[in-house]
Amino acid sequence: MEDTTREIFLMLRVDGLAYPEIGARLGLSVAEVERGFVEA
């Protein structure tokens, strides 16, 4: 996976973080996190 896509996937599935928390950590909007997860 592309780096950001992989980070989003792992943060969601492995770390159990919520979209807003991932967005805050990566500097992304919730919509961008959602798109990244769909891409994953």
PDB file of all heavy atoms in Angstrom:
ATOM      1  N   MET A   1       0.848  -1.202   0.000  1.00  0.00           N
ATOM      2  CA  MET A   1       0.000   0.000   0.000  1.00  0.00           C
ATOM      3  C   MET A   1       0.880   1.248   0.000  1.00  0.00           C
ATOM      4  O   MET A   1       2.019   1.223   0.455  1.00  0.00           O
ATOM      5  CB  MET A   1      -0.869   0.040   1.257  1.00  0.00           C
ATOM      6  CG  MET A   1      -1.954  -0.962   1.309  1.00  0.00           C
ATOM      7  SD  MET A   1      -2.850  -0.798   2.884  1.00  0.00           S
ATOM      8  CE  MET A   1      -3.965  -2.177   2.731  1.00  0.00           C
ATOM      9  N   GLU A   2       0.307   2.347  -0.486  1.00  0.00           N
ATOM     10  CA  GLU A   2       0.993   3.635  -0.365  1.00  0.00           C
ATOM     11  C   GLU A   2       1.127   3.952   1.125  1.00  0.00           C
ATOM     12  O   GLU A   2       0.326   3.498   1.946  1.00  0.00           O
ATOM     13  CB  GLU A   2       0.202   4.729  -1.069  1.00  0.00           C
ATOM     14  CG  GLU A   2       0.167   4.551  -2.579  1.00  0.00           C
ATOM     15  CD  GLU A   2      -0.536   5.698  -3.283  1.00  0.00           C
ATOM     16  OE1 GLU A   2      -0.721   6.764  -2.658  1.00  0.00           O
ATOM     17  OE2 GLU A   2      -0.897   5.516  -4.440  1.00  0.00           O
ATOM     18  N   ASP A   3       2.132   4.727   1.479  1.00  0.00           N
ATOM     19  CA  ASP A   3       2.450   4.969   2.888  1.00  0.00           C
ATOM     20  C   ASP A   3       1.270   5.470   3.717  1.00  0.00           C
ATOM     21  O   ASP A   3       0.964   4.900   4.766  1.00  0.00           O
ATOM     22  CB  ASP A   3       3.607   5.962   3.015  1.00  0.00           C
ATOM     23  CG  ASP A   3       4.930   5.391   2.519  1.00  0.00           C
ATOM     24  OD1 ASP A   3       5.041   4.155   2.400  1.00  0.00           O
ATOM     25  OD2 ASP A   3       5.843   6.183   2.251  1.00  0.00           O
ATOM     26  N   THR A   4       0.604   6.519   3.272  1.00  0.00           N
ATOM     27  CA  THR A   4      -0.494   7.082   4.054  1.00  0.00           C
ATOM     28  C   THR A   4      -1.655   6.107   4.147  1.00  0.00           C
ATOM     29  O   THR A   4      -2.265   5.956   5.208  1.00  0.00           O
ATOM     30  CB  THR A   4      -0.972   8.428   3.453  1.00  0.00           C
ATOM     31  OG1 THR A   4       0.149   9.325   3.401  1.00  0.00           O
ATOM     32  CG2 THR A   4      -2.070   9.045   4.283  1.00  0.00           C
ATOM     33  N   THR A   5      -1.943   5.428   3.062  1.00  0.00           N
ATOM     34  CA  THR A   5      -3.011   4.428   3.061  1.00  0.00           C
ATOM     35  C   THR A   5      -2.708   3.334   4.076  1.00  0.00           C
ATOM     36  O   THR A   5      -3.575   2.929   4.855  1.00  0.00           O
ATOM     37  CB  THR A   5      -3.191   3.828   1.652  1.00  0.00           C
ATOM     38  OG1 THR A   5      -3.457   4.885   0.727  1.00  0.00           O
ATOM     39  CG2 THR A   5      -4.315   2.813   1.611  1.00  0.00           C
ATOM     40  N   ARG A   6      -1.466   2.875   4.088  1.00  0.00           N
ATOM     41  CA  ARG A   6      -1.055   1.838   5.036  1.00  0.00           C
ATOM     42  C   ARG A   6      -1.170   2.338   6.480  1.00  0.00           C
ATOM     43  O   ARG A   6      -1.674   1.642   7.353  1.00  0.00           O
ATOM     44  CB  ARG A   6       0.375   1.381   4.750  1.00  0.00           C
ATOM     45  CG  ARG A   6       0.861   0.278   5.668  1.00  0.00           C
ATOM     46  CD  ARG A   6       2.229  -0.266   5.294  1.00  0.00           C
ATOM     47  NE  ARG A   6       3.227   0.770   5.107  1.00  0.00           N
ATOM     48  CZ  ARG A   6       3.728   1.145   3.929  1.00  0.00           C
ATOM     49  NH1 ARG A   6       3.314   0.557   2.821  1.00  0.00           N
ATOM     50  NH2 ARG A   6       4.627   2.088   3.843  1.00  0.00           N
ATOM     51  N   GLU A   7      -0.725   3.566   6.731  1.00  0.00           N
ATOM     52  CA  GLU A   7      -0.821   4.128   8.075  1.00  0.00           C
ATOM     53  C   GLU A   7      -2.267   4.196   8.549  1.00  0.00           C
ATOM     54  O   GLU A   7      -2.570   3.825   9.693  1.00  0.00           O
ATOM     55  CB  GLU A   7      -0.208   5.528   8.117  1.00  0.00           C
ATOM     56  CG  GLU A   7       1.287   5.563   8.034  1.00  0.00           C
ATOM     57  CD  GLU A   7       1.819   6.971   8.136  1.00  0.00           C
ATOM     58  OE1 GLU A   7       1.924   7.475   9.263  1.00  0.00           O
ATOM     59  OE2 GLU A   7       2.091   7.568   7.074  1.00  0.00           O
ATOM     60  N   ILE A   8      -3.144   4.671   7.678  1.00  0.00           N
ATOM     61  CA  ILE A   8      -4.563   4.761   8.029  1.00  0.00           C
ATOM     62  C   ILE A   8      -5.121   3.374   8.328  1.00  0.00           C
ATOM     63  O   ILE A   8      -5.793   3.171   9.345  1.00  0.00           O
ATOM     64  CB  ILE A   8      -5.357   5.441   6.888  1.00  0.00           C
ATOM     65  CG1 ILE A   8      -4.986   6.930   6.815  1.00  0.00           C
ATOM     66  CG2 ILE A   8      -6.865   5.262   7.088  1.00  0.00           C
ATOM     67  CD1 ILE A   8      -5.497   7.634   5.571  1.00  0.00           C
ATOM     68  N   PHE A   9      -4.847   2.424   7.474  1.00  0.00           N
ATOM     69  CA  PHE A   9      -5.347   1.062   7.664  1.00  0.00           C
ATOM     70  C   PHE A   9      -4.878   0.490   8.999  1.00  0.00           C
ATOM     71  O   PHE A   9      -5.671  -0.055   9.767  1.00  0.00           O
ATOM     72  CB  PHE A   9      -4.891   0.171   6.505  1.00  0.00           C
ATOM     73  CG  PHE A   9      -5.306  -1.260   6.661  1.00  0.00           C
ATOM     74  CD1 PHE A   9      -6.601  -1.651   6.358  1.00  0.00           C
ATOM     75  CD2 PHE A   9      -4.410  -2.213   7.121  1.00  0.00           C
ATOM     76  CE1 PHE A   9      -6.997  -2.973   6.520  1.00  0.00           C
ATOM     77  CE2 PHE A   9      -4.792  -3.535   7.276  1.00  0.00           C
ATOM     78  CZ  PHE A   9      -6.093  -3.912   6.978  1.00  0.00           C
ATOM     79  N   LEU A  10      -3.588   0.610   9.280  1.00  0.00           N
ATOM     80  CA  LEU A  10      -3.046   0.047  10.518  1.00  0.00           C
ATOM     81  C   LEU A  10      -3.568   0.760  11.759  1.00  0.00           C
ATOM     82  O   LEU A  10      -3.867   0.122  12.773  1.00  0.00           O
ATOM     83  CB  LEU A  10      -1.515   0.069  10.481  1.00  0.00           C
ATOM     84  CG  LEU A  10      -0.877  -0.850   9.440  1.00  0.00           C
ATOM     85  CD1 LEU A  10       0.632  -0.634   9.386  1.00  0.00           C
ATOM     86  CD2 LEU A  10      -1.223  -2.308   9.706  1.00  0.00           C
ATOM     87  N   MET A  11      -3.707   2.067  11.677  1.00  0.00           N
ATOM     88  CA  MET A  11      -4.231   2.814  12.825  1.00  0.00           C
ATOM     89  C   MET A  11      -5.675   2.420  13.126  1.00  0.00           C
ATOM     90  O   MET A  11      -6.070   2.335  14.290  1.00  0.00           O
ATOM     91  CB  MET A  11      -4.134   4.317  12.585  1.00  0.00           C
ATOM     92  CG  MET A  11      -2.744   4.863  12.678  1.00  0.00           C
ATOM     93  SD  MET A  11      -2.761   6.643  12.388  1.00  0.00           S
ATOM     94  CE  MET A  11      -1.058   7.043  12.690  1.00  0.00           C
ATOM     95  N   LEU A  12      -6.435   2.164  12.077  1.00  0.00           N
ATOM     96  CA  LEU A  12      -7.829   1.749  12.268  1.00  0.00           C
ATOM     97  C   LEU A  12      -7.929   0.312  12.752  1.00  0.00           C
ATOM     98  O   LEU A  12      -8.575   0.025  13.756  1.00  0.00           O
ATOM     99  CB  LEU A  12      -8.616   1.895  10.962  1.00  0.00           C
ATOM    100  CG  LEU A  12      -9.187   3.261  10.663  1.00  0.00           C
ATOM    101  CD1 LEU A  12      -9.575   3.362   9.201  1.00  0.00           C
ATOM    102  CD2 LEU A  12     -10.380   3.541  11.542  1.00  0.00           C
ATOM    103  N   ARG A  13      -7.302  -0.600  12.026  1.00  0.00           N
ATOM    104  CA  ARG A  13      -7.487  -2.026  12.273  1.00  0.00           C
ATOM    105  C   ARG A  13      -6.608  -2.597  13.381  1.00  0.00           C
ATOM    106  O   ARG A  13      -7.030  -3.503  14.084  1.00  0.00           O
ATOM    107  CB  ARG A  13      -7.247  -2.817  10.983  1.00  0.00           C
ATOM    108  CG  ARG A  13      -8.281  -2.559   9.934  1.00  0.00           C
ATOM    109  CD  ARG A  13      -9.638  -2.984  10.428  1.00  0.00           C
ATOM    110  NE  ARG A  13     -10.631  -2.743   9.388  1.00  0.00           N
ATOM    111  CZ  ARG A  13     -11.821  -3.262   9.385  1.00  0.00           C
ATOM    112  NH1 ARG A  13     -12.210  -4.041  10.360  1.00  0.00           N
ATOM    113  NH2 ARG A  13     -12.660  -2.984   8.418  1.00  0.00           N
ATOM    114  N   VAL A  14      -5.401  -2.090  13.528  1.00  0.00           N
ATOM    115  CA  VAL A  14      -4.489  -2.635  14.536  1.00  0.00           C
ATOM    116  C   VAL A  14      -4.562  -1.828  15.835  1.00  0.00           C
ATOM    117  O   VAL A  14      -4.716  -2.385  16.919  1.00  0.00           O
ATOM    118  CB  VAL A  14      -3.034  -2.688  14.005  1.00  0.00           C
ATOM    119  CG1 VAL A  14      -2.075  -3.159  15.084  1.00  0.00           C
ATOM    120  CG2 VAL A  14      -2.956  -3.586  12.781  1.00  0.00           C
ATOM    121  N   ASP A  15      -4.473  -0.511  15.695  1.00  0.00           N
ATOM    122  CA  ASP A  15      -4.455   0.347  16.882  1.00  0.00           C
ATOM    123  C   ASP A  15      -5.843   0.667  17.406  1.00  0.00           C
ATOM    124  O   ASP A  15      -5.982   1.112  18.544  1.00  0.00           O
ATOM    125  CB  ASP A  15      -3.708   1.642  16.588  1.00  0.00           C
ATOM    126  CG  ASP A  15      -2.259   1.401  16.172  1.00  0.00           C
ATOM    127  OD1 ASP A  15      -1.682   0.367  16.581  1.00  0.00           O
ATOM    128  OD2 ASP A  15      -1.711   2.237  15.435  1.00  0.00           O
ATOM    129  N   GLY A  16      -6.865   0.483  16.570  1.00  0.00           N
ATOM    130  CA  GLY A  16      -8.233   0.732  16.992  1.00  0.00           C
ATOM    131  C   GLY A  16      -8.588   2.198  17.167  1.00  0.00           C
ATOM    132  O   GLY A  16      -9.494   2.540  17.920  1.00  0.00           O
ATOM    133  N   LEU A  17      -7.885   3.071  16.452  1.00  0.00           N
ATOM    134  CA  LEU A  17      -8.162   4.496  16.561  1.00  0.00           C
ATOM    135  C   LEU A  17      -9.377   4.889  15.725  1.00  0.00           C
ATOM    136  O   LEU A  17      -9.707   4.228  14.743  1.00  0.00           O
ATOM    137  CB  LEU A  17      -6.945   5.303  16.099  1.00  0.00           C
ATOM    138  CG  LEU A  17      -5.636   5.055  16.862  1.00  0.00           C
ATOM    139  CD1 LEU A  17      -4.525   5.901  16.253  1.00  0.00           C
ATOM    140  CD2 LEU A  17      -5.795   5.345  18.339  1.00  0.00           C
ATOM    141  N   ALA A  18     -10.004   5.979  16.110  1.00  0.00           N
ATOM    142  CA  ALA A  18     -11.154   6.514  15.380  1.00  0.00           C
ATOM    143  C   ALA A  18     -10.671   7.450  14.269  1.00  0.00           C
ATOM    144  O   ALA A  18      -9.559   7.989  14.326  1.00  0.00           O
ATOM    145  CB  ALA A  18     -12.070   7.272  16.332  1.00  0.00           C
ATOM    146  N   TYR A  19     -11.520   7.656  13.279  1.00  0.00           N
ATOM    147  CA  TYR A  19     -11.166   8.508  12.142  1.00  0.00           C
ATOM    148  C   TYR A  19     -10.669   9.892  12.582  1.00  0.00           C
ATOM    149  O   TYR A  19      -9.655  10.366  12.073  1.00  0.00           O
ATOM    150  CB  TYR A  19     -12.352   8.663  11.191  1.00  0.00           C
ATOM    151  CG  TYR A  19     -12.690   7.442  10.360  1.00  0.00           C
ATOM    152  CD1 TYR A  19     -12.215   6.177  10.656  1.00  0.00           C
ATOM    153  CD2 TYR A  19     -13.515   7.566   9.258  1.00  0.00           C
ATOM    154  CE1 TYR A  19     -12.544   5.071   9.888  1.00  0.00           C
ATOM    155  CE2 TYR A  19     -13.854   6.462   8.477  1.00  0.00           C
ATOM    156  CZ  TYR A  19     -13.357   5.224   8.798  1.00  0.00           C
ATOM    157  OH  TYR A  19     -13.670   4.142   8.029  1.00  0.00           O
ATOM    158  N   PRO A  20     -11.381  10.580  13.497  1.00  0.00           N
ATOM    159  CA  PRO A  20     -10.906  11.918  13.895  1.00  0.00           C
ATOM    160  C   PRO A  20      -9.515  11.889  14.539  1.00  0.00           C
ATOM    161  O   PRO A  20      -8.699  12.783  14.299  1.00  0.00           O
ATOM    162  CB  PRO A  20     -11.952  12.395  14.905  1.00  0.00           C
ATOM    163  CG  PRO A  20     -13.179  11.617  14.577  1.00  0.00           C
ATOM    164  CD  PRO A  20     -12.690  10.280  14.109  1.00  0.00           C
ATOM    165  N   GLU A  21      -9.227  10.865  15.332  1.00  0.00           N
ATOM    166  CA  GLU A  21      -7.923  10.778  15.971  1.00  0.00           C
ATOM    167  C   GLU A  21      -6.823  10.521  14.941  1.00  0.00           C
ATOM    168  O   GLU A  21      -5.746  11.103  15.005  1.00  0.00           O
ATOM    169  CB  GLU A  21      -7.921   9.674  17.019  1.00  0.00           C
ATOM    170  CG  GLU A  21      -6.675   9.670  17.870  1.00  0.00           C
ATOM    171  CD  GLU A  21      -6.740   8.739  19.053  1.00  0.00           C
ATOM    172  OE1 GLU A  21      -7.762   8.047  19.231  1.00  0.00           O
ATOM    173  OE2 GLU A  21      -5.753   8.707  19.797  1.00  0.00           O
ATOM    174  N   ILE A  22      -7.105   9.662  13.966  1.00  0.00           N
ATOM    175  CA  ILE A  22      -6.137   9.405  12.893  1.00  0.00           C
ATOM    176  C   ILE A  22      -5.896  10.687  12.107  1.00  0.00           C
ATOM    177  O   ILE A  22      -4.760  11.036  11.801  1.00  0.00           O
ATOM    178  CB  ILE A  22      -6.632   8.278  11.968  1.00  0.00           C
ATOM    179  CG1 ILE A  22      -6.685   6.963  12.755  1.00  0.00           C
ATOM    180  CG2 ILE A  22      -5.740   8.148  10.735  1.00  0.00           C
ATOM    181  CD1 ILE A  22      -7.413   5.854  12.049  1.00  0.00           C
ATOM    182  N   GLY A  23      -6.982  11.379  11.797  1.00  0.00           N
ATOM    183  CA  GLY A  23      -6.855  12.634  11.067  1.00  0.00           C
ATOM    184  C   GLY A  23      -5.976  13.631  11.803  1.00  0.00           C
ATOM    185  O   GLY A  23      -5.115  14.283  11.199  1.00  0.00           O
ATOM    186  N   ALA A  24      -6.175  13.736  13.108  1.00  0.00           N
ATOM    187  CA  ALA A  24      -5.378  14.670  13.907  1.00  0.00           C
ATOM    188  C   ALA A  24      -3.902  14.270  13.905  1.00  0.00           C
ATOM    189  O   ALA A  24      -3.024  15.122  13.778  1.00  0.00           O
ATOM    190  CB  ALA A  24      -5.910  14.719  15.337  1.00  0.00           C
ATOM    191  N   ARG A  25      -3.623  12.988  13.997  1.00  0.00           N
ATOM    192  CA  ARG A  25      -2.237  12.517  14.021  1.00  0.00           C
ATOM    193  C   ARG A  25      -1.536  12.701  12.680  1.00  0.00           C
ATOM    194  O   ARG A  25      -0.335  12.960  12.630  1.00  0.00           O
ATOM    195  CB  ARG A  25      -2.177  11.044  14.420  1.00  0.00           C
ATOM    196  CG  ARG A  25      -2.515  10.821  15.866  1.00  0.00           C
ATOM    197  CD  ARG A  25      -2.344   9.375  16.236  1.00  0.00           C
ATOM    198  NE  ARG A  25      -2.732   9.153  17.627  1.00  0.00           N
ATOM    199  CZ  ARG A  25      -2.369   8.098  18.330  1.00  0.00           C
ATOM    200  NH1 ARG A  25      -1.636   7.153  17.780  1.00  0.00           N
ATOM    201  NH2 ARG A  25      -2.764   7.974  19.578  1.00  0.00           N
ATOM    202  N   LEU A  26      -2.299  12.542  11.599  1.00  0.00           N
ATOM    203  CA  LEU A  26      -1.689  12.609  10.264  1.00  0.00           C
ATOM    204  C   LEU A  26      -1.892  13.955   9.573  1.00  0.00           C
ATOM    205  O   LEU A  26      -1.412  14.154   8.453  1.00  0.00           O
ATOM    206  CB  LEU A  26      -2.254  11.492   9.377  1.00  0.00           C
ATOM    207  CG  LEU A  26      -1.978  10.059   9.841  1.00  0.00           C
ATOM    208  CD1 LEU A  26      -2.629   9.063   8.877  1.00  0.00           C
ATOM    209  CD2 LEU A  26      -0.487   9.790   9.961  1.00  0.00           C
ATOM    210  N   GLY A  27      -2.636  14.842  10.214  1.00  0.00           N
ATOM    211  CA  GLY A  27      -2.901  16.139   9.596  1.00  0.00           C
ATOM    212  C   GLY A  27      -3.870  16.047   8.434  1.00  0.00           C
ATOM    213  O   GLY A  27      -3.746  16.786   7.453  1.00  0.00           O
ATOM    214  N   LEU A  28      -4.849  15.141   8.543  1.00  0.00           N
ATOM    215  CA  LEU A  28      -5.839  14.921   7.488  1.00  0.00           C
ATOM    216  C   LEU A  28      -7.232  15.197   8.018  1.00  0.00           C
ATOM    217  O   LEU A  28      -7.480  15.090   9.220  1.00  0.00           O
ATOM    218  CB  LEU A  28      -5.783  13.464   7.005  1.00  0.00           C
ATOM    219  CG  LEU A  28      -4.453  12.949   6.476  1.00  0.00           C
ATOM    220  CD1 LEU A  28      -4.523  11.440   6.259  1.00  0.00           C
ATOM    221  CD2 LEU A  28      -4.080  13.653   5.195  1.00  0.00           C
ATOM    222  N   SER A  29      -8.148  15.505   7.107  1.00  0.00           N
ATOM    223  CA  SER A  29      -9.550  15.635   7.500  1.00  0.00           C
ATOM    224  C   SER A  29     -10.141  14.237   7.687  1.00  0.00           C
ATOM    225  O   SER A  29      -9.582  13.238   7.214  1.00  0.00           O
ATOM    226  CB  SER A  29     -10.335  16.379   6.413  1.00  0.00           C
ATOM    227  OG  SER A  29     -10.441  15.578   5.245  1.00  0.00           O
ATOM    228  N   VAL A  30     -11.271  14.170   8.363  1.00  0.00           N
ATOM    229  CA  VAL A  30     -11.957  12.895   8.541  1.00  0.00           C
ATOM    230  C   VAL A  30     -12.316  12.304   7.178  1.00  0.00           C
ATOM    231  O   VAL A  30     -12.176  11.090   6.964  1.00  0.00           O
ATOM    232  CB  VAL A  30     -13.210  13.052   9.434  1.00  0.00           C
ATOM    233  CG1 VAL A  30     -14.049  11.783   9.441  1.00  0.00           C
ATOM    234  CG2 VAL A  30     -12.793  13.421  10.854  1.00  0.00           C
ATOM    235  N   ALA A  31     -12.733  13.145   6.238  1.00  0.00           N
ATOM    236  CA  ALA A  31     -13.071  12.665   4.893  1.00  0.00           C
ATOM    237  C   ALA A  31     -11.854  12.049   4.209  1.00  0.00           C
ATOM    238  O   ALA A  31     -11.978  11.023   3.524  1.00  0.00           O
ATOM    239  CB  ALA A  31     -13.636  13.806   4.043  1.00  0.00           C
ATOM    240  N   GLU A  32     -10.675  12.642   4.401  1.00  0.00           N
ATOM    241  CA  GLU A  32      -9.461  12.077   3.801  1.00  0.00           C
ATOM    242  C   GLU A  32      -9.112  10.734   4.439  1.00  0.00           C
ATOM    243  O   GLU A  32      -8.658   9.818   3.747  1.00  0.00           O
ATOM    244  CB  GLU A  32      -8.297  13.052   3.962  1.00  0.00           C
ATOM    245  CG  GLU A  32      -8.432  14.281   3.088  1.00  0.00           C
ATOM    246  CD  GLU A  32      -7.390  15.333   3.389  1.00  0.00           C
ATOM    247  OE1 GLU A  32      -7.142  15.628   4.584  1.00  0.00           O
ATOM    248  OE2 GLU A  32      -6.818  15.873   2.412  1.00  0.00           O
ATOM    249  N   VAL A  33      -9.331  10.613   5.735  1.00  0.00           N
ATOM    250  CA  VAL A  33      -9.093   9.336   6.408  1.00  0.00           C
ATOM    251  C   VAL A  33     -10.066   8.291   5.871  1.00  0.00           C
ATOM    252  O   VAL A  33      -9.679   7.153   5.582  1.00  0.00           O
ATOM    253  CB  VAL A  33      -9.224   9.478   7.940  1.00  0.00           C
ATOM    254  CG1 VAL A  33      -9.125   8.121   8.625  1.00  0.00           C
ATOM    255  CG2 VAL A  33      -8.164  10.431   8.484  1.00  0.00           C
ATOM    256  N   GLU A  34     -11.326   8.669   5.723  1.00  0.00           N
ATOM    257  CA  GLU A  34     -12.321   7.734   5.175  1.00  0.00           C
ATOM    258  C   GLU A  34     -11.918   7.276   3.784  1.00  0.00           C
ATOM    259  O   GLU A  34     -11.981   6.077   3.471  1.00  0.00           O
ATOM    260  CB  GLU A  34     -13.701   8.393   5.126  1.00  0.00           C
ATOM    261  CG  GLU A  34     -14.300   8.622   6.493  1.00  0.00           C
ATOM    262  CD  GLU A  34     -15.574   9.456   6.461  1.00  0.00           C
ATOM    263  OE1 GLU A  34     -15.890  10.080   5.415  1.00  0.00           O
ATOM    264  OE2 GLU A  34     -16.251   9.498   7.498  1.00  0.00           O
ATOM    265  N   ARG A  35     -11.497   8.205   2.935  1.00  0.00           N
ATOM    266  CA  ARG A  35     -11.057   7.849   1.580  1.00  0.00           C
ATOM    267  C   ARG A  35      -9.841   6.928   1.619  1.00  0.00           C
ATOM    268  O   ARG A  35      -9.748   5.974   0.845  1.00  0.00           O
ATOM    269  CB  ARG A  35     -10.732   9.103   0.761  1.00  0.00           C
ATOM    270  CG  ARG A  35     -11.935   9.711   0.078  1.00  0.00           C
ATOM    271  CD  ARG A  35     -11.527  10.750  -0.956  1.00  0.00           C
ATOM    272  NE  ARG A  35     -10.788  11.868  -0.396  1.00  0.00           N
ATOM    273  CZ  ARG A  35     -11.331  12.934   0.189  1.00  0.00           C
ATOM    274  NH1 ARG A  35     -12.632  13.038   0.285  1.00  0.00           N
ATOM    275  NH2 ARG A  35     -10.569  13.899   0.669  1.00  0.00           N
ATOM    276  N   GLY A  36      -8.922   7.212   2.519  1.00  0.00           N
ATOM    277  CA  GLY A  36      -7.742   6.374   2.654  1.00  0.00           C
ATOM    278  C   GLY A  36      -8.093   4.957   3.064  1.00  0.00           C
ATOM    279  O   GLY A  36      -7.496   3.991   2.575  1.00  0.00           O
ATOM    280  N   PHE A  37      -9.079   4.820   3.946  1.00  0.00           N
ATOM    281  CA  PHE A  37      -9.493   3.492   4.365  1.00  0.00           C
ATOM    282  C   PHE A  37     -10.174   2.755   3.218  1.00  0.00           C
ATOM    283  O   PHE A  37      -9.930   1.567   3.007  1.00  0.00           O
ATOM    284  CB  PHE A  37     -10.404   3.557   5.583  1.00  0.00           C
ATOM    285  CG  PHE A  37     -10.770   2.198   6.102  1.00  0.00           C
ATOM    286  CD1 PHE A  37      -9.800   1.344   6.592  1.00  0.00           C
ATOM    287  CD2 PHE A  37     -12.077   1.759   6.067  1.00  0.00           C
ATOM    288  CE1 PHE A  37     -10.125   0.077   7.053  1.00  0.00           C
ATOM    289  CE2 PHE A  37     -12.422   0.502   6.529  1.00  0.00           C
ATOM    290  CZ  PHE A  37     -11.439  -0.342   7.021  1.00  0.00           C
ATOM    291  N   VAL A  38     -10.989   3.447   2.453  1.00  0.00           N
ATOM    292  CA  VAL A  38     -11.624   2.829   1.286  1.00  0.00           C
ATOM    293  C   VAL A  38     -10.546   2.377   0.301  1.00  0.00           C
ATOM    294  O   VAL A  38     -10.610   1.262  -0.232  1.00  0.00           O
ATOM    295  CB  VAL A  38     -12.631   3.795   0.616  1.00  0.00           C
ATOM    296  CG1 VAL A  38     -13.078   3.270  -0.743  1.00  0.00           C
ATOM    297  CG2 VAL A  38     -13.825   4.022   1.521  1.00  0.00           C
ATOM    298  N   GLU A  39      -9.544   3.224   0.070  1.00  0.00           N
ATOM    299  CA  GLU A  39      -8.446   2.843  -0.825  1.00  0.00           C
ATOM    300  C   GLU A  39      -7.746   1.586  -0.312  1.00  0.00           C
ATOM    301  O   GLU A  39      -7.380   0.703  -1.101  1.00  0.00           O
ATOM    302  CB  GLU A  39      -7.434   3.979  -0.941  1.00  0.00           C
ATOM    303  CG  GLU A  39      -7.916   5.150  -1.757  1.00  0.00           C
ATOM    304  CD  GLU A  39      -6.922   6.302  -1.779  1.00  0.00           C
ATOM    305  OE1 GLU A  39      -5.732   6.095  -1.425  1.00  0.00           O
ATOM    306  OE2 GLU A  39      -7.335   7.411  -2.144  1.00  0.00           O
ATOM    307  N   ALA A  40      -7.547   1.510   0.994  1.00  0.00           N
ATOM    308  CA  ALA A  40      -6.894   0.335   1.585  1.00  0.00           C
ATOM    309  C   ALA A  40      -7.719  -0.916   1.348  1.00  0.00           C
ATOM    310  O   ALA A  40      -7.178  -1.972   0.981  1.00  0.00           O
ATOM    311  CB  ALA A  40      -6.673   0.549   3.079  1.00  0.00           C
TER     312      ALA A  40
END
